[in-house]
């Protein structure tokens, strides 16, 4: 593993955390949306990450990054609320609210933001170390 690999690893992690922040923002933006049935109501979404491994001569070496394998919908049940006067109520008078947990989403946002910030620090420190190494030859 060379010192240049650090830039790729931190960059892929920053990209993945950016996706996580966008998905979390989407969940928070739709947390109070209402639908007349389960199919048309917003379902919380979550990114799925995986480590990218490098294969050298058939042997797995340490990870060389992170990638987003996809974004999945939460399978948690939607909240059903009886509001017969609501314009989006179904025939029985129920409306459906998304399965977005605001506390979990805020925790995800803080965690993703701090992870992104940590990877920026890794990049800056690596850059400073490389520059210091180049100055050794002067």
Protein backbone atom coordinates (compact mmCIF):
# COMPACT_ATOMS: atom_id res chain seq x y z
CA UNK A 1 0.00 0.00 0.00
CA UNK A 2 1.52 3.28 -1.09
CA UNK A 3 0.99 6.68 0.38
CA UNK A 4 -1.05 7.62 -2.68
CA UNK A 5 -3.63 4.94 -1.78
CA UNK A 6 -4.60 7.06 1.23
CA UNK A 7 -6.04 9.68 -1.12
CA UNK A 8 -8.20 7.10 -2.91
CA UNK A 9 -9.41 5.52 0.30
CA UNK A 10 -10.29 8.83 1.97
CA UNK A 11 -11.86 10.11 -1.26
CA UNK A 12 -14.11 7.07 -1.61
CA UNK A 13 -15.12 7.39 2.04
CA UNK A 14 -15.97 11.07 1.54
CA UNK A 15 -18.04 10.22 -1.52
CA UNK A 16 -19.92 7.51 0.39
CA UNK A 17 -20.58 9.82 3.34
CA UNK A 18 -21.87 12.44 0.92
CA UNK A 19 -24.42 9.91 -0.37
CA UNK A 20 -25.35 9.10 3.23
CA UNK A 21 -25.89 12.80 3.99
CA UNK A 22 -28.07 13.23 0.89
CA UNK A 23 -30.22 10.21 1.75
CA UNK A 24 -30.58 11.43 5.34
CA UNK A 25 -31.59 14.89 4.11
CA UNK A 26 -34.19 13.29 1.85
CA UNK A 27 -35.57 11.28 4.77
CA UNK A 28 -35.78 14.38 6.96
CA UNK A 29 -37.41 16.42 4.19
CA UNK A 30 -40.13 13.79 3.72
CA UNK A 31 -40.64 12.93 7.40
CA UNK A 32 -43.96 14.76 7.65
CA UNK A 33 -45.39 13.89 4.23
CA UNK A 34 -48.71 12.08 4.22
CA UNK A 35 -50.15 9.55 1.80
CA UNK A 36 -53.52 7.90 1.28
CA UNK A 37 -52.04 4.37 1.15
CA UNK A 38 -48.85 2.49 1.91
CA UNK A 39 -47.70 2.35 -1.71
CA UNK A 40 -47.74 6.10 -2.30
CA UNK A 41 -46.39 7.14 1.11
CA UNK A 42 -42.69 7.90 1.46
CA UNK A 43 -40.58 5.09 2.96
CA UNK A 44 -37.29 5.87 4.71
CA UNK A 45 -34.20 5.02 2.68
CA UNK A 46 -30.76 3.91 3.83
CA UNK A 47 -27.49 3.50 1.90
CA UNK A 48 -25.66 0.16 1.93
CA UNK A 49 -21.86 0.40 2.07
CA UNK A 50 -19.23 -2.22 1.35
CA UNK A 51 -15.46 -2.31 1.54
CA UNK A 52 -13.58 -2.42 -1.74
CA UNK A 53 -10.85 -5.04 -1.58
CA UNK A 54 -7.78 -5.24 -3.80
CA UNK A 55 -6.77 -8.63 -5.11
CA UNK A 56 -3.04 -9.17 -5.57
CA UNK A 57 -2.12 -12.48 -7.17
CA UNK A 58 -5.34 -14.10 -5.95
CA UNK A 59 -4.85 -13.00 -2.32
CA UNK A 60 -7.10 -10.41 -0.75
CA UNK A 61 -5.15 -7.45 0.58
CA UNK A 62 -6.39 -4.75 2.95
CA UNK A 63 -9.30 -2.64 1.82
CA UNK A 64 -8.72 0.15 -0.63
CA UNK A 65 -11.91 2.09 -0.24
CA UNK A 66 -15.64 2.18 0.31
CA UNK A 67 -18.47 2.09 -2.18
CA UNK A 68 -22.23 2.48 -2.01
CA UNK A 69 -23.80 -0.78 -3.17
CA UNK A 70 -27.27 0.69 -3.24
CA UNK A 71 -30.02 2.46 -1.36
CA UNK A 72 -32.70 0.33 0.25
CA UNK A 73 -36.12 1.22 1.59
CA UNK A 74 -36.86 0.61 5.24
CA UNK A 75 -39.19 -2.30 5.91
CA UNK A 76 -40.51 -0.77 9.15
CA UNK A 77 -44.29 -0.36 9.18
CA UNK A 78 -45.80 3.02 8.36
CA UNK A 79 -47.79 4.90 10.96
CA UNK A 80 -51.51 4.81 10.25
CA UNK A 81 -53.53 7.70 11.68
CA UNK A 82 -57.30 8.11 11.72
CA UNK A 83 -58.12 11.55 10.26
CA UNK A 84 -61.40 11.33 8.33
CA UNK A 85 -61.45 15.07 7.57
CA UNK A 86 -58.01 15.09 5.94
CA UNK A 87 -58.14 15.57 2.15
CA UNK A 88 -55.73 12.65 1.60
CA UNK A 89 -57.61 10.21 3.84
CA UNK A 90 -58.59 6.92 2.25
CA UNK A 91 -62.14 5.51 2.19
CA UNK A 92 -61.86 4.37 5.83
CA UNK A 93 -60.57 7.80 6.98
CA UNK A 94 -56.92 6.82 7.50
CA UNK A 95 -53.77 8.59 6.34
CA UNK A 96 -50.30 7.07 6.35
CA UNK A 97 -47.18 8.74 7.69
CA UNK A 98 -43.61 7.80 6.69
CA UNK A 99 -41.53 5.41 8.78
CA UNK A 100 -38.83 8.05 9.29
CA UNK A 101 -37.42 8.19 12.83
CA UNK A 102 -36.24 11.78 13.31
CA UNK A 103 -33.84 10.90 16.13
CA UNK A 104 -32.15 8.16 14.09
CA UNK A 105 -31.89 10.46 11.09
CA UNK A 106 -30.35 13.28 13.10
CA UNK A 107 -27.85 10.79 14.58
CA UNK A 108 -27.04 9.57 11.06
CA UNK A 109 -26.53 13.14 9.89
CA UNK A 110 -24.14 13.95 12.73
CA UNK A 111 -22.25 10.68 12.25
CA UNK A 112 -21.92 11.15 8.48
CA UNK A 113 -20.84 14.75 8.90
CA UNK A 114 -18.15 13.82 11.41
CA UNK A 115 -16.94 10.91 9.27
CA UNK A 116 -16.68 13.23 6.28
CA UNK A 117 -14.78 15.75 8.40
CA UNK A 118 -12.40 13.03 9.65
CA UNK A 119 -11.62 11.98 6.09
CA UNK A 120 -10.88 15.58 5.14
CA UNK A 121 -8.39 15.65 8.02
CA UNK A 122 -6.82 12.40 6.76
CA UNK A 123 -6.37 13.98 3.32
CA UNK A 124 -4.86 17.16 4.75
CA UNK A 125 -2.49 15.26 7.03
CA UNK A 126 -1.39 12.96 4.20
CA UNK A 127 -0.74 15.95 1.97
CA UNK A 128 1.34 17.62 4.69
CA UNK A 129 3.34 14.42 5.24
CA UNK A 130 4.04 14.07 1.53
CA UNK A 131 5.18 17.68 1.30
CA UNK A 132 7.41 17.23 4.37
CA UNK A 133 8.91 14.11 2.78
CA UNK A 134 9.69 16.05 -0.41
CA UNK A 135 11.34 18.80 1.61
CA UNK A 136 13.73 16.26 3.16
CA UNK A 137 15.70 16.13 -0.09
CA UNK A 138 16.36 19.87 -0.17
